[in-house]
Amino acid sequence: MNTNSILSALFATLNVPVVDVSVGHTGYLDAHVTPTSPIAKGVDRSGRKFFQFCVEGPTRLGMAGMATGVVTIFQRYSNSEDVWTQANNSGEHISVVEGAVTPQEARSIVELLETGKTTMWHEKRFPSSFDNEVMTRPSGVCQYDGRPLVAVGHALQIVPVSSIEVAA
């Protein structure tokens, strides 16, 4: 299954409140929000589906530190359902995905929104500065710039609305 079919199926079945969202000047759904539910979904004025959730996770992939914040995973373009990405809606940047959501990341998002927690896995070049993250064995098959890729994982969990500091 591709990313869109995975996330569209979740959108159709996930029983959470439906909310409105503001679109920033970049087209990202990145305005600061005051959440009313730990998990919500909606469709913006351009017809793009989105999930918005209160989450605890790393402040940046590969960097030390955890934070809580509001993240929106959304269809990036109104004329294509194939690309989903992340916007941050609170003072802290919480890393859920980098760039476009992959099918593997989409399955982790489903697990996060259905169970409240997951480990998000990404492929990264090794050696790197991911000291505080879980790393699996280097792959001898897939290499880039002569450095093997490793799977890097970080834990994410849904948190209550009361955990979120709303920006002024």
N, C-alpha and C. Protein backbone atom coordinates (compact mmCIF):
# COMPACT_ATOMS: atom_id res chain seq x y z
N MET A 1 0.84 -1.19 0.00
CA MET A 1 0.00 0.00 0.00
C MET A 1 0.88 1.25 0.00
N ASN A 2 0.42 2.29 -0.69
CA ASN A 2 1.17 3.53 -0.70
C ASN A 2 0.74 4.43 0.46
N THR A 3 1.48 5.50 0.67
CA THR A 3 1.22 6.41 1.79
C THR A 3 -0.20 6.92 1.79
N ASN A 4 -0.70 7.36 0.63
CA ASN A 4 -2.04 7.93 0.57
C ASN A 4 -3.11 6.91 0.94
N SER A 5 -2.99 5.68 0.42
CA SER A 5 -4.02 4.69 0.74
C SER A 5 -4.01 4.34 2.23
N ILE A 6 -2.83 4.32 2.84
CA ILE A 6 -2.73 4.02 4.27
C ILE A 6 -3.37 5.14 5.09
N LEU A 7 -2.99 6.39 4.81
CA LEU A 7 -3.50 7.51 5.60
C LEU A 7 -4.95 7.85 5.26
N SER A 8 -5.38 7.66 4.03
CA SER A 8 -6.78 7.89 3.68
C SER A 8 -7.69 6.88 4.36
N ALA A 9 -7.24 5.62 4.47
CA ALA A 9 -8.02 4.60 5.18
C ALA A 9 -8.14 4.97 6.66
N LEU A 10 -7.04 5.45 7.25
CA LEU A 10 -7.08 5.88 8.64
C LEU A 10 -8.04 7.06 8.80
N PHE A 11 -8.00 8.01 7.87
CA PHE A 11 -8.87 9.18 7.94
C PHE A 11 -10.35 8.75 7.93
N ALA A 12 -10.67 7.77 7.10
CA ALA A 12 -12.06 7.31 6.98
C ALA A 12 -12.55 6.59 8.23
N THR A 13 -11.65 5.92 8.95
CA THR A 13 -12.09 5.08 10.07
C THR A 13 -11.80 5.65 11.45
N LEU A 14 -10.89 6.59 11.57
CA LEU A 14 -10.51 7.11 12.88
C LEU A 14 -11.63 7.97 13.46
N ASN A 15 -12.16 7.56 14.62
CA ASN A 15 -13.28 8.25 15.26
C ASN A 15 -12.75 9.28 16.25
N VAL A 16 -12.46 10.49 15.74
CA VAL A 16 -11.95 11.59 16.54
C VAL A 16 -12.69 12.87 16.13
N PRO A 17 -12.60 13.91 16.96
CA PRO A 17 -13.25 15.17 16.58
C PRO A 17 -12.73 15.72 15.26
N VAL A 18 -13.62 16.41 14.54
CA VAL A 18 -13.27 17.09 13.30
C VAL A 18 -13.07 18.57 13.63
N VAL A 19 -11.94 19.15 13.20
CA VAL A 19 -11.61 20.53 13.52
C VAL A 19 -11.27 21.31 12.25
N ASP A 20 -11.28 22.64 12.39
CA ASP A 20 -10.80 23.53 11.33
C ASP A 20 -9.32 23.78 11.56
N VAL A 21 -8.63 24.24 10.53
CA VAL A 21 -7.21 24.52 10.64
C VAL A 21 -6.88 25.76 9.81
N SER A 22 -5.86 26.49 10.25
CA SER A 22 -5.41 27.67 9.51
C SER A 22 -4.25 27.29 8.59
N VAL A 23 -4.25 27.87 7.41
CA VAL A 23 -3.19 27.63 6.44
C VAL A 23 -2.21 28.80 6.50
N GLY A 24 -0.93 28.49 6.69
CA GLY A 24 0.10 29.53 6.74
C GLY A 24 0.41 30.06 5.34
N HIS A 25 1.25 31.09 5.27
CA HIS A 25 1.58 31.71 3.99
C HIS A 25 2.38 30.79 3.07
N THR A 26 2.97 29.72 3.61
CA THR A 26 3.73 28.77 2.79
C THR A 26 2.84 27.67 2.22
N GLY A 27 1.57 27.65 2.64
CA GLY A 27 0.68 26.56 2.23
C GLY A 27 0.69 25.42 3.21
N TYR A 28 1.58 25.48 4.21
CA TYR A 28 1.59 24.47 5.26
C TYR A 28 0.50 24.78 6.26
N LEU A 29 0.00 23.76 6.92
CA LEU A 29 -1.01 23.93 7.96
C LEU A 29 -0.26 24.15 9.26
N ASP A 30 0.46 25.27 9.35
CA ASP A 30 1.43 25.45 10.41
C ASP A 30 1.14 26.58 11.39
N ALA A 31 -0.08 27.08 11.41
CA ALA A 31 -0.41 28.12 12.38
C ALA A 31 -0.46 27.51 13.79
N HIS A 32 -0.13 28.31 14.80
CA HIS A 32 -0.23 27.83 16.18
C HIS A 32 -1.68 27.52 16.50
N VAL A 33 -1.92 26.43 17.20
CA VAL A 33 -3.28 26.03 17.53
C VAL A 33 -3.42 25.82 19.03
N THR A 34 -4.63 25.94 19.50
CA THR A 34 -4.98 25.57 20.86
C THR A 34 -5.80 24.29 20.74
N PRO A 35 -5.20 23.14 21.03
CA PRO A 35 -5.92 21.88 20.82
C PRO A 35 -7.08 21.72 21.80
N THR A 36 -8.13 21.08 21.33
CA THR A 36 -9.28 20.77 22.18
C THR A 36 -9.41 19.27 22.40
N SER A 37 -8.60 18.50 21.71
CA SER A 37 -8.60 17.05 21.81
C SER A 37 -7.18 16.56 21.52
N PRO A 38 -6.75 15.46 22.16
CA PRO A 38 -5.40 14.95 21.89
C PRO A 38 -5.18 14.57 20.42
N ILE A 39 -6.25 14.12 19.75
CA ILE A 39 -6.18 13.74 18.34
C ILE A 39 -7.43 14.30 17.65
N ALA A 40 -7.24 14.91 16.48
CA ALA A 40 -8.35 15.42 15.69
C ALA A 40 -8.01 15.22 14.21
N LYS A 41 -9.00 15.43 13.38
CA LYS A 41 -8.78 15.35 11.94
C LYS A 41 -9.65 16.41 11.27
N GLY A 42 -9.44 16.63 9.99
CA GLY A 42 -10.26 17.58 9.26
C GLY A 42 -9.84 17.68 7.82
N VAL A 43 -10.50 18.61 7.12
CA VAL A 43 -10.19 18.92 5.73
C VAL A 43 -10.08 20.44 5.65
N ASP A 44 -8.95 20.92 5.09
CA ASP A 44 -8.76 22.38 5.02
C ASP A 44 -9.57 22.97 3.88
N ARG A 45 -9.50 24.29 3.73
CA ARG A 45 -10.32 24.98 2.72
C ARG A 45 -9.94 24.61 1.28
N SER A 46 -8.76 23.99 1.12
CA SER A 46 -8.34 23.54 -0.22
C SER A 46 -8.68 22.08 -0.47
N GLY A 47 -9.35 21.44 0.49
CA GLY A 47 -9.74 20.04 0.32
C GLY A 47 -8.70 19.03 0.74
N ARG A 48 -7.65 19.48 1.46
CA ARG A 48 -6.60 18.55 1.90
C ARG A 48 -6.95 17.96 3.26
N LYS A 49 -6.84 16.64 3.36
CA LYS A 49 -7.06 15.95 4.63
C LYS A 49 -5.88 16.17 5.56
N PHE A 50 -6.17 16.17 6.87
CA PHE A 50 -5.09 16.30 7.84
C PHE A 50 -5.45 15.60 9.15
N PHE A 51 -4.41 15.24 9.89
CA PHE A 51 -4.51 14.75 11.26
C PHE A 51 -3.73 15.72 12.12
N GLN A 52 -4.29 16.08 13.27
CA GLN A 52 -3.61 16.98 14.20
C GLN A 52 -3.58 16.27 15.55
N PHE A 53 -2.40 16.24 16.19
CA PHE A 53 -2.32 15.50 17.44
C PHE A 53 -1.30 16.10 18.39
N CYS A 54 -1.57 15.90 19.69
CA CYS A 54 -0.67 16.32 20.77
C CYS A 54 0.29 15.16 20.99
N VAL A 55 1.58 15.43 20.91
CA VAL A 55 2.55 14.34 20.92
C VAL A 55 3.79 14.72 21.72
N GLU A 56 4.41 13.71 22.30
CA GLU A 56 5.73 13.86 22.90
C GLU A 56 6.71 13.13 22.01
N GLY A 57 7.80 13.79 21.67
CA GLY A 57 8.80 13.17 20.82
C GLY A 57 10.07 13.98 20.83
N PRO A 58 11.05 13.58 20.03
CA PRO A 58 12.33 14.30 19.99
C PRO A 58 12.16 15.68 19.38
N THR A 59 12.95 16.65 19.86
CA THR A 59 12.83 18.01 19.34
C THR A 59 13.34 18.13 17.92
N ARG A 60 14.31 17.36 17.53
CA ARG A 60 14.80 17.26 16.16
C ARG A 60 15.34 15.85 15.99
N LEU A 61 15.18 15.27 14.82
CA LEU A 61 15.73 13.94 14.61
C LEU A 61 17.23 13.98 14.82
N GLY A 62 17.71 13.10 15.68
CA GLY A 62 19.14 13.01 15.92
C GLY A 62 19.65 13.94 16.99
N MET A 63 18.81 14.75 17.59
CA MET A 63 19.24 15.68 18.62
C MET A 63 18.72 15.22 19.97
N ALA A 64 19.46 15.51 21.02
CA ALA A 64 19.03 15.15 22.37
C ALA A 64 17.84 16.02 22.75
N GLY A 65 16.98 15.49 23.57
CA GLY A 65 15.87 16.27 24.10
C GLY A 65 14.52 15.84 23.58
N MET A 66 13.57 15.80 24.49
CA MET A 66 12.19 15.48 24.16
C MET A 66 11.34 16.69 24.48
N ALA A 67 10.23 16.83 23.80
CA ALA A 67 9.32 17.94 24.04
C ALA A 67 7.91 17.49 23.72
N THR A 68 6.94 18.27 24.14
CA THR A 68 5.55 18.03 23.75
C THR A 68 5.10 19.17 22.85
N GLY A 69 4.23 18.86 21.94
CA GLY A 69 3.72 19.88 21.03
C GLY A 69 2.60 19.34 20.18
N VAL A 70 2.08 20.19 19.31
CA VAL A 70 1.01 19.81 18.39
C VAL A 70 1.62 19.67 17.00
N VAL A 71 1.32 18.55 16.35
CA VAL A 71 1.83 18.26 15.01
C VAL A 71 0.64 18.00 14.10
N THR A 72 0.75 18.45 12.86
CA THR A 72 -0.25 18.16 11.84
C THR A 72 0.42 17.39 10.72
N ILE A 73 -0.14 16.24 10.37
CA ILE A 73 0.28 15.47 9.20
C ILE A 73 -0.81 15.72 8.16
N PHE A 74 -0.42 16.21 6.96
CA PHE A 74 -1.44 16.62 5.99
C PHE A 74 -1.02 16.34 4.56
N GLN A 75 -2.04 16.32 3.68
CA GLN A 75 -1.77 16.20 2.25
C GLN A 75 -1.15 17.52 1.81
N ARG A 76 0.03 17.47 1.25
CA ARG A 76 0.78 18.70 0.93
C ARG A 76 0.13 19.51 -0.18
N TYR A 77 -0.39 18.85 -1.20
CA TYR A 77 -0.93 19.57 -2.36
C TYR A 77 -2.40 19.26 -2.55
N SER A 78 -3.18 20.27 -2.93
CA SER A 78 -4.61 20.06 -3.13
C SER A 78 -4.89 19.29 -4.42
N ASN A 79 -3.96 19.31 -5.37
CA ASN A 79 -4.18 18.61 -6.65
C ASN A 79 -3.52 17.23 -6.68
N SER A 80 -3.00 16.76 -5.55
CA SER A 80 -2.38 15.44 -5.50
C SER A 80 -2.50 14.88 -4.07
N GLU A 81 -2.99 13.67 -3.98
CA GLU A 81 -3.11 13.02 -2.68
C GLU A 81 -1.88 12.17 -2.35
N ASP A 82 -0.87 12.19 -3.21
CA ASP A 82 0.28 11.30 -3.05
C ASP A 82 1.30 11.77 -2.02
N VAL A 83 1.39 13.07 -1.74
CA VAL A 83 2.42 13.58 -0.85
C VAL A 83 1.78 14.08 0.45
N TRP A 84 2.18 13.48 1.57
CA TRP A 84 1.77 13.92 2.90
C TRP A 84 3.03 14.38 3.61
N THR A 85 2.93 15.39 4.48
CA THR A 85 4.08 15.91 5.19
C THR A 85 3.68 16.38 6.58
N GLN A 86 4.59 17.00 7.29
CA GLN A 86 4.38 17.43 8.67
C GLN A 86 4.46 18.94 8.80
N ALA A 87 3.61 19.50 9.65
CA ALA A 87 3.73 20.89 10.09
C ALA A 87 3.68 20.88 11.61
N ASN A 88 4.37 21.82 12.22
CA ASN A 88 4.35 21.95 13.67
C ASN A 88 3.46 23.12 14.05
N ASN A 89 2.65 22.91 15.08
CA ASN A 89 1.66 23.89 15.45
C ASN A 89 1.82 24.39 16.87
N SER A 90 3.02 24.31 17.40
CA SER A 90 3.28 24.78 18.75
C SER A 90 4.69 25.33 18.80
N GLY A 91 5.09 25.84 19.95
CA GLY A 91 6.41 26.46 20.08
C GLY A 91 7.56 25.52 19.83
N GLU A 92 7.42 24.26 20.20
CA GLU A 92 8.49 23.28 20.01
C GLU A 92 8.34 22.54 18.69
N HIS A 93 9.45 22.32 18.02
CA HIS A 93 9.43 21.48 16.82
C HIS A 93 9.55 20.03 17.27
N ILE A 94 8.54 19.24 17.01
CA ILE A 94 8.57 17.81 17.32
C ILE A 94 8.80 17.07 16.01
N SER A 95 9.81 16.23 15.97
CA SER A 95 10.12 15.48 14.75
C SER A 95 9.31 14.19 14.70
N VAL A 96 8.35 14.16 13.79
CA VAL A 96 7.61 12.93 13.52
C VAL A 96 8.13 12.33 12.22
N VAL A 97 8.19 13.13 11.17
CA VAL A 97 8.74 12.69 9.88
C VAL A 97 9.66 13.78 9.35
N GLU A 98 10.48 13.41 8.39
CA GLU A 98 11.31 14.38 7.66
C GLU A 98 10.85 14.37 6.22
N GLY A 99 10.42 15.51 5.71
CA GLY A 99 10.00 15.57 4.32
C GLY A 99 8.68 14.85 4.09
N ALA A 100 8.58 14.18 2.96
CA ALA A 100 7.35 13.47 2.62
C ALA A 100 7.24 12.18 3.44
N VAL A 101 6.02 11.88 3.87
CA VAL A 101 5.76 10.68 4.66
C VAL A 101 5.95 9.44 3.77
N THR A 102 6.74 8.49 4.24
CA THR A 102 6.94 7.23 3.52
C THR A 102 5.85 6.23 3.93
N PRO A 103 5.63 5.16 3.17
CA PRO A 103 4.66 4.15 3.59
C PRO A 103 4.98 3.57 4.98
N GLN A 104 6.25 3.35 5.27
CA GLN A 104 6.63 2.83 6.59
C GLN A 104 6.25 3.83 7.68
N GLU A 105 6.52 5.12 7.46
CA GLU A 105 6.15 6.14 8.43
C GLU A 105 4.63 6.25 8.56
N ALA A 106 3.92 6.09 7.44
CA ALA A 106 2.45 6.13 7.48
C ALA A 106 1.90 5.02 8.38
N ARG A 107 2.48 3.83 8.29
CA ARG A 107 2.04 2.73 9.16
C ARG A 107 2.31 3.05 10.63
N SER A 108 3.43 3.74 10.91
CA SER A 108 3.72 4.14 12.29
C SER A 108 2.75 5.22 12.77
N ILE A 109 2.36 6.12 11.87
CA ILE A 109 1.37 7.14 12.23
C ILE A 109 0.03 6.48 12.56
N VAL A 110 -0.35 5.48 11.79
CA VAL A 110 -1.57 4.73 12.09
C VAL A 110 -1.48 4.13 13.49
N GLU A 111 -0.35 3.47 13.79
CA GLU A 111 -0.17 2.88 15.11
C GLU A 111 -0.23 3.94 16.21
N LEU A 112 0.42 5.08 15.99
CA LEU A 112 0.42 6.17 16.97
C LEU A 112 -1.00 6.66 17.24
N LEU A 113 -1.77 6.91 16.19
CA LEU A 113 -3.10 7.48 16.37
C LEU A 113 -4.13 6.46 16.84
N GLU A 114 -3.88 5.18 16.59
CA GLU A 114 -4.81 4.14 17.05
C GLU A 114 -4.48 3.62 18.45
N THR A 115 -3.20 3.60 18.82
CA THR A 115 -2.82 3.01 20.12
C THR A 115 -2.24 4.02 21.10
N GLY A 116 -1.84 5.20 20.61
CA GLY A 116 -1.28 6.22 21.48
C GLY A 116 0.23 6.24 21.56
N LYS A 117 0.90 5.26 20.92
CA LYS A 117 2.37 5.28 20.94
C LYS A 117 2.92 4.47 19.77
N THR A 118 4.17 4.76 19.43
CA THR A 118 4.84 4.03 18.35
C THR A 118 6.32 4.33 18.41
N THR A 119 7.10 3.59 17.64
CA THR A 119 8.48 3.95 17.35
C THR A 119 8.54 4.26 15.87
N MET A 120 8.97 5.46 15.55
CA MET A 120 9.07 5.90 14.15
C MET A 120 10.47 5.57 13.67
N TRP A 121 10.56 4.85 12.55
CA TRP A 121 11.86 4.43 12.01
C TRP A 121 12.18 5.21 10.75
N HIS A 122 13.45 5.60 10.61
CA HIS A 122 13.95 6.32 9.44
C HIS A 122 15.27 5.66 9.03
N GLU A 123 15.61 5.75 7.76
CA GLU A 123 16.93 5.30 7.33
C GLU A 123 17.87 6.49 7.33
N LYS A 124 19.02 6.34 7.96
CA LYS A 124 20.02 7.40 8.07
C LYS A 124 21.39 6.88 7.69
N ARG A 125 22.25 7.78 7.22
CA ARG A 125 23.61 7.39 6.90
C ARG A 125 24.41 7.19 8.19
N PHE A 126 25.28 6.21 8.20
CA PHE A 126 26.09 5.89 9.37
C PHE A 126 27.56 5.97 8.95
N PRO A 127 28.47 6.49 9.73
CA PRO A 127 28.23 7.02 11.08
C PRO A 127 27.60 8.40 11.03
N SER A 128 26.91 8.74 12.10
CA SER A 128 26.22 10.01 12.18
C SER A 128 26.12 10.44 13.63
N SER A 129 25.32 11.44 13.92
CA SER A 129 25.24 11.98 15.27
C SER A 129 23.95 11.57 15.97
N PHE A 130 23.49 10.37 15.75
CA PHE A 130 22.24 9.91 16.33
C PHE A 130 22.49 9.11 17.60
N ASP A 131 23.35 9.64 18.48
CA ASP A 131 23.77 8.90 19.66
C ASP A 131 22.64 8.55 20.60
N ASN A 132 21.60 9.38 20.69
CA ASN A 132 20.54 9.12 21.66
C ASN A 132 19.39 8.32 21.07
N GLU A 133 19.54 7.83 19.85
CA GLU A 133 18.46 7.10 19.22
C GLU A 133 18.83 5.64 19.03
N VAL A 134 17.83 4.82 18.89
CA VAL A 134 18.02 3.39 18.65
C VAL A 134 18.54 3.22 17.22
N MET A 135 19.59 2.42 17.05
CA MET A 135 20.12 2.19 15.71
C MET A 135 20.23 0.68 15.48
N THR A 136 19.87 0.24 14.30
CA THR A 136 20.02 -1.18 13.97
C THR A 136 21.28 -1.35 13.14
N ARG A 137 21.57 -2.57 12.78
CA ARG A 137 22.81 -2.90 12.10
C ARG A 137 22.94 -2.18 10.76
N PRO A 138 24.16 -1.81 10.38
CA PRO A 138 24.35 -1.22 9.06
C PRO A 138 23.96 -2.21 7.97
N SER A 139 23.41 -1.70 6.92
CA SER A 139 23.00 -2.54 5.79
C SER A 139 24.11 -2.55 4.76
N GLY A 140 24.52 -3.74 4.36
CA GLY A 140 25.55 -3.84 3.34
C GLY A 140 24.98 -3.68 1.95
N VAL A 141 23.65 -3.70 1.82
CA VAL A 141 23.01 -3.66 0.52
C VAL A 141 22.83 -2.22 0.03
N CYS A 142 22.34 -1.36 0.90
CA CYS A 142 21.98 -0.01 0.51
C CYS A 142 22.99 0.98 1.07
N GLN A 143 23.76 1.61 0.20
CA GLN A 143 24.76 2.56 0.66
C GLN A 143 24.65 3.85 -0.12
N TYR A 144 25.10 4.94 0.51
CA TYR A 144 25.09 6.25 -0.12
C TYR A 144 26.38 6.94 0.30
N ASP A 145 27.09 7.52 -0.62
CA ASP A 145 28.36 8.18 -0.33
C ASP A 145 29.33 7.24 0.39
N GLY A 146 29.24 5.96 0.13
CA GLY A 146 30.15 5.02 0.76
C GLY A 146 29.83 4.72 2.22
N ARG A 147 28.80 5.36 2.77
CA ARG A 147 28.43 5.12 4.17
C ARG A 147 27.18 4.26 4.19
N PRO A 148 27.18 3.16 4.94
CA PRO A 148 25.98 2.32 4.99
C PRO A 148 24.83 3.05 5.68
N LEU A 149 23.62 2.66 5.32
CA LEU A 149 22.42 3.19 5.95
C LEU A 149 22.06 2.35 7.17
N VAL A 150 21.51 2.99 8.17
CA VAL A 150 21.00 2.28 9.34
C VAL A 150 19.57 2.73 9.58
N ALA A 151 18.81 1.91 10.26
CA ALA A 151 17.45 2.30 10.66
C ALA A 151 17.55 2.99 12.01
N VAL A 152 17.04 4.20 12.09
CA VAL A 152 17.07 4.99 13.31
C VAL A 152 15.65 5.11 13.82
N GLY A 153 15.44 4.82 15.11
CA GLY A 153 14.10 4.88 15.66
C GLY A 153 13.99 5.85 16.81
N HIS A 154 12.83 6.50 16.91
CA HIS A 154 12.56 7.33 18.08
C HIS A 154 11.12 7.11 18.53
N ALA A 155 10.94 7.15 19.85
CA ALA A 155 9.63 6.89 20.44
C ALA A 155 8.76 8.14 20.36
N LEU A 156 7.47 7.92 20.08
CA LEU A 156 6.47 8.97 20.08
C LEU A 156 5.29 8.49 20.90
N GLN A 157 4.63 9.41 21.60
CA GLN A 157 3.39 9.03 22.28
C GLN A 157 2.44 10.22 22.30
N ILE A 158 1.15 9.90 22.24
CA ILE A 158 0.11 10.91 22.33
C ILE A 158 0.04 11.37 23.78
N VAL A 159 -0.14 12.67 24.00
CA VAL A 159 -0.22 13.23 25.35
C VAL A 159 -1.53 14.00 25.49
N PRO A 160 -1.97 14.23 26.74
CA PRO A 160 -3.21 14.99 26.96
C PRO A 160 -3.06 16.45 26.52
N VAL A 161 -4.17 17.06 26.18
CA VAL A 161 -4.18 18.48 25.79
C VAL A 161 -3.53 19.33 26.87
N SER A 162 -3.72 18.98 28.13
CA SER A 162 -3.18 19.78 29.24
C SER A 162 -1.65 19.81 29.24
N SER A 163 -1.00 18.92 28.51
CA SER A 163 0.47 18.89 28.43
C SER A 163 1.03 19.92 27.47
N ILE A 164 0.19 20.52 26.66
CA ILE A 164 0.62 21.41 25.60
C ILE A 164 0.65 22.85 26.09
N GLU A 165 1.80 23.50 25.90
CA GLU A 165 1.91 24.93 26.20
C GLU A 165 1.52 25.68 24.94
N VAL A 166 0.50 26.50 25.06
CA VAL A 166 0.00 27.25 23.90
C VAL A 166 0.80 28.53 23.76
N ALA A 167 1.28 28.79 22.55
CA ALA A 167 2.05 30.01 22.30
C ALA A 167 1.16 31.23 22.42
N ALA A 168 1.72 32.29 22.94
CA ALA A 168 0.95 33.53 23.11
C ALA A 168 0.80 34.27 21.80
